[in-house]
Amino acid sequence: MKKNFLIIILFMNALTGNVSAQKTDTYKTSQGDLTIHFLGHGSLLFEFSKMNIYVDPFSKVADYSTLPKANLILVTHSHYDHFDMDAISKIKGNVTQMIYTQDCANSGKYSGPAIVMKNGDKKVVEGIMIEAVPAYNIEHKRPDGNPFHPKGEGNGYILTFGGKTVYVAGDTENVPEMKNLGHIDIAFLPVNLPYTMTPEQAADAAKMVHTAVFYPYHTGETDLTKLTDLMKGTKDIEVKVREMK
């Protein structure tokens, strides 16, 4: 039976291009375990110190009515698949704190109290250090010549959990500011063409931020085998591929 089960697993990996169906990973920190839930697309849930911290909840990838209430919700930018009020309404509780961009605030979609962060801001919220960093396009643009994500509108976030730094890049390319982010333990870098990075750009970004663990996320239809091939032989960076379309 075990042998047959192993064959099935190997067969499924072949069908999915070695994309892992694993839904959680857990890391040790100086203040207890950090558990990462891969909800899909750009949506993540971090469990840490009895708190639930969501990034870019999106209704298409999960039934948020079944998920725990949020202590923190972080939104990287105002596009519908990142700032989704249906998903947010289902996880918002009495103590939930919202962190988002000025562009999100200007939309008028969210009526509750919120913390607006712009690129370069740092705040400690519920004991978590949060830094908002640039997320924007340089090369990838709309037919009218405007970038899909203009500079200054979107945030990436660096969160520190018990000394472990997690960088959720948001919708961005391999922008030069990544060189100055400091120590990163875990990086989520997007490869959803044409809106974010090519595999080549994502590989470059992973090297720029000197991350120990690199998760491609918000992957769309990108061929991740090309990305993993580009990262072969890169010392000190572990690439972990999960189902994050």
C-alpha atoms as a PDB file:
ATOM      1  CA  MET A   1       0.000   0.000   0.000  1.00  0.00           C
ATOM      2  CA  LYS A   2       2.801   2.468   0.888  1.00  0.00           C
ATOM      3  CA  LYS A   3       4.526   1.746  -2.409  1.00  0.00           C
ATOM      4  CA  ASN A   4       1.312   2.408  -4.355  1.00  0.00           C
ATOM      5  CA  PHE A   5       0.756   5.651  -2.421  1.00  0.00           C
ATOM      6  CA  LEU A   6       4.267   6.822  -3.280  1.00  0.00           C
ATOM      7  CA  ILE A   7       3.674   6.086  -6.963  1.00  0.00           C
ATOM      8  CA  ILE A   8       0.491   8.169  -6.881  1.00  0.00           C
ATOM      9  CA  ILE A   9       2.336  11.093  -5.273  1.00  0.00           C
ATOM     10  CA  LEU A  10       5.106  10.955  -7.858  1.00  0.00           C
ATOM     11  CA  PHE A  11       2.526  10.780 -10.652  1.00  0.00           C
ATOM     12  CA  MET A  12       0.677  13.834  -9.321  1.00  0.00           C
ATOM     13  CA  ASN A  13       3.941  15.775  -9.024  1.00  0.00           C
ATOM     14  CA  ALA A  14       4.662  15.004 -12.668  1.00  0.00           C
ATOM     15  CA  LEU A  15       1.226  16.246 -13.703  1.00  0.00           C
ATOM     16  CA  THR A  16       1.567  19.493 -11.740  1.00  0.00           C
ATOM     17  CA  GLY A  17       5.122  20.314 -12.737  1.00  0.00           C
ATOM     18  CA  ASN A  18       6.359  19.513  -9.224  1.00  0.00           C
ATOM     19  CA  VAL A  19       4.104  22.174  -7.709  1.00  0.00           C
ATOM     20  CA  SER A  20       3.592  21.121  -4.122  1.00  0.00           C
ATOM     21  CA  ALA A  21       0.074  20.597  -2.818  1.00  0.00           C
ATOM     22  CA  GLN A  22       1.406  21.276   0.661  1.00  0.00           C
ATOM     23  CA  LYS A  23      -0.789  23.913   2.300  1.00  0.00           C
ATOM     24  CA  THR A  24       1.396  24.966   5.252  1.00  0.00           C
ATOM     25  CA  ASP A  25       5.018  25.376   6.256  1.00  0.00           C
ATOM     26  CA  THR A  26       6.217  26.053   9.802  1.00  0.00           C
ATOM     27  CA  TYR A  27       9.360  27.890  10.894  1.00  0.00           C
ATOM     28  CA  LYS A  28      10.918  28.259  14.318  1.00  0.00           C
ATOM     29  CA  THR A  29      11.429  31.782  15.636  1.00  0.00           C
ATOM     30  CA  SER A  30      12.721  33.208  18.911  1.00  0.00           C
ATOM     31  CA  GLN A  31       9.092  33.761  19.976  1.00  0.00           C
ATOM     32  CA  GLY A  32       7.548  30.458  18.903  1.00  0.00           C
ATOM     33  CA  ASP A  33       6.399  28.891  15.660  1.00  0.00           C
ATOM     34  CA  LEU A  34       5.449  30.821  12.543  1.00  0.00           C
ATOM     35  CA  THR A  35       3.018  28.834  10.389  1.00  0.00           C
ATOM     36  CA  ILE A  36       2.441  29.980   6.813  1.00  0.00           C
ATOM     37  CA  HIS A  37      -0.776  28.982   5.034  1.00  0.00           C
ATOM     38  CA  PHE A  38      -0.641  29.178   1.225  1.00  0.00           C
ATOM     39  CA  LEU A  39      -4.197  30.198   0.364  1.00  0.00           C
ATOM     40  CA  GLY A  40      -3.502  30.872  -3.321  1.00  0.00           C
ATOM     41  CA  HIS A  41      -2.872  33.723  -5.773  1.00  0.00           C
ATOM     42  CA  GLY A  42      -1.396  36.566  -3.666  1.00  0.00           C
ATOM     43  CA  SER A  43      -3.208  35.436  -0.500  1.00  0.00           C
ATOM     44  CA  LEU A  44      -1.367  34.264   2.594  1.00  0.00           C
ATOM     45  CA  LEU A  45      -2.199  33.597   6.229  1.00  0.00           C
ATOM     46  CA  PHE A  46       0.477  33.776   8.913  1.00  0.00           C
ATOM     47  CA  GLU A  47      -0.199  32.210  12.310  1.00  0.00           C
ATOM     48  CA  PHE A  48       2.083  33.580  14.991  1.00  0.00           C
ATOM     49  CA  SER A  49       1.833  34.148  18.742  1.00  0.00           C
ATOM     50  CA  LYS A  50      -1.884  33.251  18.774  1.00  0.00           C
ATOM     51  CA  MET A  51      -2.583  35.783  16.016  1.00  0.00           C
ATOM     52  CA  ASN A  52      -3.895  35.411  12.469  1.00  0.00           C
ATOM     53  CA  ILE A  53      -2.303  37.773   9.966  1.00  0.00           C
ATOM     54  CA  TYR A  54      -3.698  37.843   6.422  1.00  0.00           C
ATOM     55  CA  VAL A  55      -2.164  39.367   3.317  1.00  0.00           C
ATOM     56  CA  ASP A  56      -4.344  40.213   0.290  1.00  0.00           C
ATOM     57  CA  PRO A  57      -7.321  37.935   1.033  1.00  0.00           C
ATOM     58  CA  PHE A  58      -9.082  37.008  -2.218  1.00  0.00           C
ATOM     59  CA  SER A  59     -12.440  35.211  -2.331  1.00  0.00           C
ATOM     60  CA  LYS A  60     -11.589  33.156  -5.416  1.00  0.00           C
ATOM     61  CA  VAL A  61      -8.927  31.081  -3.634  1.00  0.00           C
ATOM     62  CA  ALA A  62     -10.551  30.211  -0.290  1.00  0.00           C
ATOM     63  CA  ASP A  63     -13.811  30.074   1.640  1.00  0.00           C
ATOM     64  CA  TYR A  64     -13.013  32.821   4.102  1.00  0.00           C
ATOM     65  CA  SER A  65     -16.180  32.147   6.098  1.00  0.00           C
ATOM     66  CA  THR A  66     -14.479  28.990   7.381  1.00  0.00           C
ATOM     67  CA  LEU A  67     -11.183  30.662   8.288  1.00  0.00           C
ATOM     68  CA  PRO A  68     -10.287  32.230  11.642  1.00  0.00           C
ATOM     69  CA  LYS A  69     -10.921  35.903  12.307  1.00  0.00           C
ATOM     70  CA  ALA A  70      -8.043  38.198  11.557  1.00  0.00           C
ATOM     71  CA  ASN A  71      -5.957  40.128  14.021  1.00  0.00           C
ATOM     72  CA  LEU A  72      -4.248  41.931  11.144  1.00  0.00           C
ATOM     73  CA  ILE A  73      -5.088  42.287   7.460  1.00  0.00           C
ATOM     74  CA  LEU A  74      -2.467  43.752   5.132  1.00  0.00           C
ATOM     75  CA  VAL A  75      -3.398  44.871   1.616  1.00  0.00           C
ATOM     76  CA  THR A  76      -0.653  45.605  -0.890  1.00  0.00           C
ATOM     77  CA  HIS A  77      -2.701  47.650  -3.383  1.00  0.00           C
ATOM     78  CA  SER A  78      -6.210  48.426  -4.563  1.00  0.00           C
ATOM     79  CA  HIS A  79      -6.688  45.917  -7.415  1.00  0.00           C
ATOM     80  CA  TYR A  80      -9.758  43.694  -6.958  1.00  0.00           C
ATOM     81  CA  ASP A  81      -7.762  40.478  -6.490  1.00  0.00           C
ATOM     82  CA  HIS A  82      -5.825  41.995  -3.574  1.00  0.00           C
ATOM     83  CA  PHE A  83      -8.323  44.391  -1.992  1.00  0.00           C
ATOM     84  CA  ASP A  84     -11.412  42.158  -1.894  1.00  0.00           C
ATOM     85  CA  MET A  85     -14.079  43.423   0.491  1.00  0.00           C
ATOM     86  CA  ASP A  86     -16.088  40.183   0.312  1.00  0.00           C
ATOM     87  CA  ALA A  87     -13.149  38.202   1.677  1.00  0.00           C
ATOM     88  CA  ILE A  88     -12.243  40.929   4.160  1.00  0.00           C
ATOM     89  CA  SER A  89     -15.777  41.115   5.561  1.00  0.00           C
ATOM     90  CA  LYS A  90     -15.719  37.402   6.388  1.00  0.00           C
ATOM     91  CA  ILE A  91     -12.486  37.498   8.403  1.00  0.00           C
ATOM     92  CA  LYS A  92     -12.888  40.915  10.002  1.00  0.00           C
ATOM     93  CA  GLY A  93     -13.547  40.674  13.729  1.00  0.00           C
ATOM     94  CA  ASN A  94     -13.941  43.112  16.596  1.00  0.00           C
ATOM     95  CA  VAL A  95     -10.180  43.417  17.116  1.00  0.00           C
ATOM     96  CA  THR A  96      -9.051  43.288  13.480  1.00  0.00           C
ATOM     97  CA  GLN A  97      -6.609  45.977  12.388  1.00  0.00           C
ATOM     98  CA  MET A  98      -6.403  46.892   8.703  1.00  0.00           C
ATOM     99  CA  ILE A  99      -3.181  48.058   7.074  1.00  0.00           C
ATOM    100  CA  TYR A 100      -3.315  49.320   3.510  1.00  0.00           C
ATOM    101  CA  THR A 101      -2.192  51.965   1.025  1.00  0.00           C
ATOM    102  CA  GLN A 102      -3.429  55.491   0.425  1.00  0.00           C
ATOM    103  CA  ASP A 103      -4.815  54.285  -2.889  1.00  0.00           C
ATOM    104  CA  CYS A 104      -6.936  51.728  -1.005  1.00  0.00           C
ATOM    105  CA  ALA A 105      -8.136  54.441   1.384  1.00  0.00           C
ATOM    106  CA  ASN A 106      -9.047  56.694  -1.532  1.00  0.00           C
ATOM    107  CA  SER A 107     -11.241  53.954  -3.038  1.00  0.00           C
ATOM    108  CA  GLY A 108     -13.774  54.319  -0.225  1.00  0.00           C
ATOM    109  CA  LYS A 109     -14.427  50.564  -0.196  1.00  0.00           C
ATOM    110  CA  TYR A 110     -13.462  50.070   3.461  1.00  0.00           C
ATOM    111  CA  SER A 111     -15.300  52.144   6.050  1.00  0.00           C
ATOM    112  CA  GLY A 112     -13.645  50.984   9.263  1.00  0.00           C
ATOM    113  CA  PRO A 113     -10.553  52.375  10.996  1.00  0.00           C
ATOM    114  CA  ALA A 114      -7.322  51.578   9.171  1.00  0.00           C
ATOM    115  CA  ILE A 115      -3.614  52.308   9.197  1.00  0.00           C
ATOM    116  CA  VAL A 116      -2.355  53.809   5.947  1.00  0.00           C
ATOM    117  CA  MET A 117       1.273  53.000   5.159  1.00  0.00           C
ATOM    118  CA  LYS A 118       3.347  54.400   2.332  1.00  0.00           C
ATOM    119  CA  ASN A 119       6.681  53.220   0.948  1.00  0.00           C
ATOM    120  CA  GLY A 120       9.327  53.627   3.647  1.00  0.00           C
ATOM    121  CA  ASP A 121       6.962  53.624   6.635  1.00  0.00           C
ATOM    122  CA  LYS A 122       7.684  51.369   9.604  1.00  0.00           C
ATOM    123  CA  LYS A 123       5.190  50.555  12.358  1.00  0.00           C
ATOM    124  CA  VAL A 124       4.891  48.052  15.179  1.00  0.00           C
ATOM    125  CA  VAL A 125       1.361  46.645  15.202  1.00  0.00           C
ATOM    126  CA  GLU A 126       0.333  43.955  17.696  1.00  0.00           C
ATOM    127  CA  GLY A 127       4.018  43.454  18.451  1.00  0.00           C
ATOM    128  CA  ILE A 128       4.900  42.826  14.795  1.00  0.00           C
ATOM    129  CA  MET A 129       7.341  45.170  13.073  1.00  0.00           C
ATOM    130  CA  ILE A 130       5.934  46.005   9.647  1.00  0.00           C
ATOM    131  CA  GLU A 131       7.834  47.906   6.968  1.00  0.00           C
ATOM    132  CA  ALA A 132       6.179  49.072   3.747  1.00  0.00           C
ATOM    133  CA  VAL A 133       8.513  48.948   0.749  1.00  0.00           C
ATOM    134  CA  PRO A 134       8.171  49.878  -2.951  1.00  0.00           C
ATOM    135  CA  ALA A 135       6.226  47.610  -5.325  1.00  0.00           C
ATOM    136  CA  TYR A 136       5.860  48.724  -8.928  1.00  0.00           C
ATOM    137  CA  ASN A 137       6.462  47.996 -12.615  1.00  0.00           C
ATOM    138  CA  ILE A 138       9.298  49.299 -14.737  1.00  0.00           C
ATOM    139  CA  GLU A 139       8.975  47.252 -17.944  1.00  0.00           C
ATOM    140  CA  HIS A 140       5.464  45.787 -17.946  1.00  0.00           C
ATOM    141  CA  LYS A 141       2.864  48.310 -19.041  1.00  0.00           C
ATOM    142  CA  ARG A 142      -0.692  48.674 -20.293  1.00  0.00           C
ATOM    143  CA  PRO A 143      -1.423  49.390 -23.976  1.00  0.00           C
ATOM    144  CA  ASP A 144      -1.613  53.117 -23.133  1.00  0.00           C
ATOM    145  CA  GLY A 145       1.983  53.042 -21.861  1.00  0.00           C
ATOM    146  CA  ASN A 146       1.171  53.315 -18.162  1.00  0.00           C
ATOM    147  CA  PRO A 147       2.635  50.663 -15.845  1.00  0.00           C
ATOM    148  CA  PHE A 148       0.298  48.039 -14.462  1.00  0.00           C
ATOM    149  CA  HIS A 149       1.440  49.109 -10.990  1.00  0.00           C
ATOM    150  CA  PRO A 150       2.687  52.714 -10.813  1.00  0.00           C
ATOM    151  CA  LYS A 151       5.537  53.623  -8.498  1.00  0.00           C
ATOM    152  CA  GLY A 152       4.370  54.850  -5.100  1.00  0.00           C
ATOM    153  CA  GLU A 153       0.874  53.336  -5.181  1.00  0.00           C
ATOM    154  CA  GLY A 154       1.548  49.795  -3.971  1.00  0.00           C
ATOM    155  CA  ASN A 155       3.367  48.327  -1.006  1.00  0.00           C
ATOM    156  CA  GLY A 156       5.383  45.252  -0.390  1.00  0.00           C
ATOM    157  CA  TYR A 157       5.626  44.397   3.308  1.00  0.00           C
ATOM    158  CA  ILE A 158       8.465  43.109   5.467  1.00  0.00           C
ATOM    159  CA  LEU A 159       7.138  41.535   8.654  1.00  0.00           C
ATOM    160  CA  THR A 160       9.359  40.479  11.535  1.00  0.00           C
ATOM    161  CA  PHE A 161       8.210  37.453  13.506  1.00  0.00           C
ATOM    162  CA  GLY A 162      10.426  36.720  16.489  1.00  0.00           C
ATOM    163  CA  GLY A 163      13.546  37.870  14.646  1.00  0.00           C
ATOM    164  CA  LYS A 164      12.603  36.132  11.370  1.00  0.00           C
ATOM    165  CA  THR A 165      11.959  38.512   8.478  1.00  0.00           C
ATOM    166  CA  VAL A 166       9.303  37.692   5.876  1.00  0.00           C
ATOM    167  CA  TYR A 167       9.095  39.786   2.712  1.00  0.00           C
ATOM    168  CA  VAL A 168       5.781  39.723   0.827  1.00  0.00           C
ATOM    169  CA  ALA A 169       6.642  41.685  -2.292  1.00  0.00           C
ATOM    170  CA  GLY A 170       3.178  42.511  -3.626  1.00  0.00           C
ATOM    171  CA  ASP A 171       2.747  43.167  -7.341  1.00  0.00           C
ATOM    172  CA  THR A 172       6.181  44.302  -8.439  1.00  0.00           C
ATOM    173  CA  GLU A 173       9.150  43.756 -10.679  1.00  0.00           C
ATOM    174  CA  ASN A 174      12.778  43.429  -9.588  1.00  0.00           C
ATOM    175  CA  VAL A 175      13.009  47.092  -8.643  1.00  0.00           C
ATOM    176  CA  PRO A 176      16.371  48.570  -7.550  1.00  0.00           C
ATOM    177  CA  GLU A 177      15.089  49.295  -4.022  1.00  0.00           C
ATOM    178  CA  MET A 178      15.220  45.557  -3.336  1.00  0.00           C
ATOM    179  CA  LYS A 179      18.990  45.844  -2.988  1.00  0.00           C
ATOM    180  CA  ASN A 180      18.548  47.853   0.215  1.00  0.00           C
ATOM    181  CA  LEU A 181      15.943  45.828   2.086  1.00  0.00           C
ATOM    182  CA  GLY A 182      18.420  44.352   4.546  1.00  0.00           C
ATOM    183  CA  HIS A 183      18.337  40.818   5.897  1.00  0.00           C
ATOM    184  CA  ILE A 184      15.453  38.693   4.560  1.00  0.00           C
ATOM    185  CA  ASP A 185      14.798  35.141   5.758  1.00  0.00           C
ATOM    186  CA  ILE A 186      11.748  34.301   3.636  1.00  0.00           C
ATOM    187  CA  ALA A 187      10.682  36.065   0.430  1.00  0.00           C
ATOM    188  CA  PHE A 188       7.440  35.789  -1.536  1.00  0.00           C
ATOM    189  CA  LEU A 189       8.118  37.100  -5.044  1.00  0.00           C
ATOM    190  CA  PRO A 190       5.399  37.304  -7.750  1.00  0.00           C
ATOM    191  CA  VAL A 191       5.705  35.799 -11.238  1.00  0.00           C
ATOM    192  CA  ASN A 192       2.277  36.518 -12.698  1.00  0.00           C
ATOM    193  CA  LEU A 193       2.901  37.656 -16.269  1.00  0.00           C
ATOM    194  CA  PRO A 194       2.415  40.188 -17.714  1.00  0.00           C
ATOM    195  CA  TYR A 195       1.623  42.052 -14.503  1.00  0.00           C
ATOM    196  CA  THR A 196       4.677  41.284 -12.377  1.00  0.00           C
ATOM    197  CA  MET A 197       7.962  39.446 -13.018  1.00  0.00           C
ATOM    198  CA  THR A 198       9.370  37.111 -15.611  1.00  0.00           C
ATOM    199  CA  PRO A 199      11.209  34.062 -14.237  1.00  0.00           C
ATOM    200  CA  GLU A 200      14.479  35.862 -15.016  1.00  0.00           C
ATOM    201  CA  GLN A 201      13.407  38.941 -13.084  1.00  0.00           C
ATOM    202  CA  ALA A 202      12.212  36.870 -10.123  1.00  0.00           C
ATOM    203  CA  ALA A 203      15.505  34.963  -9.979  1.00  0.00           C
ATOM    204  CA  ASP A 204      17.333  38.288 -10.012  1.00  0.00           C
ATOM    205  CA  ALA A 205      15.067  39.643  -7.254  1.00  0.00           C
ATOM    206  CA  ALA A 206      15.699  36.599  -5.043  1.00  0.00           C
ATOM    207  CA  LYS A 207      19.425  37.194  -5.345  1.00  0.00           C
ATOM    208  CA  MET A 208      19.074  40.923  -4.721  1.00  0.00           C
ATOM    209  CA  VAL A 209      17.253  40.421  -1.421  1.00  0.00           C
ATOM    210  CA  HIS A 210      19.654  37.656  -0.319  1.00  0.00           C
ATOM    211  CA  THR A 211      16.777  35.571   0.970  1.00  0.00           C
ATOM    212  CA  ALA A 212      17.328  32.181   2.558  1.00  0.00           C
ATOM    213  CA  VAL A 213      13.958  30.837   1.338  1.00  0.00           C
ATOM    214  CA  PHE A 214      12.269  31.925  -1.893  1.00  0.00           C
ATOM    215  CA  TYR A 215       8.596  31.185  -2.534  1.00  0.00           C
ATOM    216  CA  PRO A 216       7.327  32.076  -6.028  1.00  0.00           C
ATOM    217  CA  TYR A 217       3.768  33.285  -5.463  1.00  0.00           C
ATOM    218  CA  HIS A 218       0.916  34.897  -7.397  1.00  0.00           C
ATOM    219  CA  THR A 219       2.218  32.636 -10.169  1.00  0.00           C
ATOM    220  CA  GLY A 220      -0.585  32.711 -12.764  1.00  0.00           C
ATOM    221  CA  GLU A 221       0.290  30.534 -15.743  1.00  0.00           C
ATOM    222  CA  THR A 222       4.050  31.039 -15.481  1.00  0.00           C
ATOM    223  CA  ASP A 223       6.177  27.962 -16.168  1.00  0.00           C
ATOM    224  CA  LEU A 224       7.853  27.549 -12.790  1.00  0.00           C
ATOM    225  CA  THR A 225      10.269  24.925 -14.075  1.00  0.00           C
ATOM    226  CA  LYS A 226      12.042  27.717 -15.932  1.00  0.00           C
ATOM    227  CA  LEU A 227      12.390  29.629 -12.680  1.00  0.00           C
ATOM    228  CA  THR A 228      13.672  26.657 -10.721  1.00  0.00           C
ATOM    229  CA  ASP A 229      16.170  25.940 -13.506  1.00  0.00           C
ATOM    230  CA  LEU A 230      17.434  29.515 -13.276  1.00  0.00           C
ATOM    231  CA  MET A 231      17.924  29.107  -9.523  1.00  0.00           C
ATOM    232  CA  LYS A 232      19.877  25.862  -9.749  1.00  0.00           C
ATOM    233  CA  GLY A 233      23.332  26.274  -8.335  1.00  0.00           C
ATOM    234  CA  THR A 234      22.431  29.450  -6.442  1.00  0.00           C
ATOM    235  CA  LYS A 235      24.088  29.070  -3.086  1.00  0.00           C
ATOM    236  CA  ASP A 236      22.197  29.667   0.147  1.00  0.00           C
ATOM    237  CA  ILE A 237      18.746  30.189  -1.460  1.00  0.00           C
ATOM    238  CA  GLU A 238      16.197  27.416  -1.091  1.00  0.00           C
ATOM    239  CA  VAL A 239      13.354  27.598  -3.639  1.00  0.00           C
ATOM    240  CA  LYS A 240      10.046  26.214  -2.359  1.00  0.00           C
ATOM    241  CA  VAL A 241       7.242  25.894  -4.901  1.00  0.00           C
ATOM    242  CA  ARG A 242       3.675  25.750  -3.619  1.00  0.00           C
ATOM    243  CA  GLU A 243       0.282  26.005  -5.345  1.00  0.00           C
ATOM    244  CA  MET A 244      -0.147  29.794  -5.550  1.00  0.00           C
ATOM    245  CA  LYS A 245      -1.910  30.547  -8.877  1.00  0.00           C
END
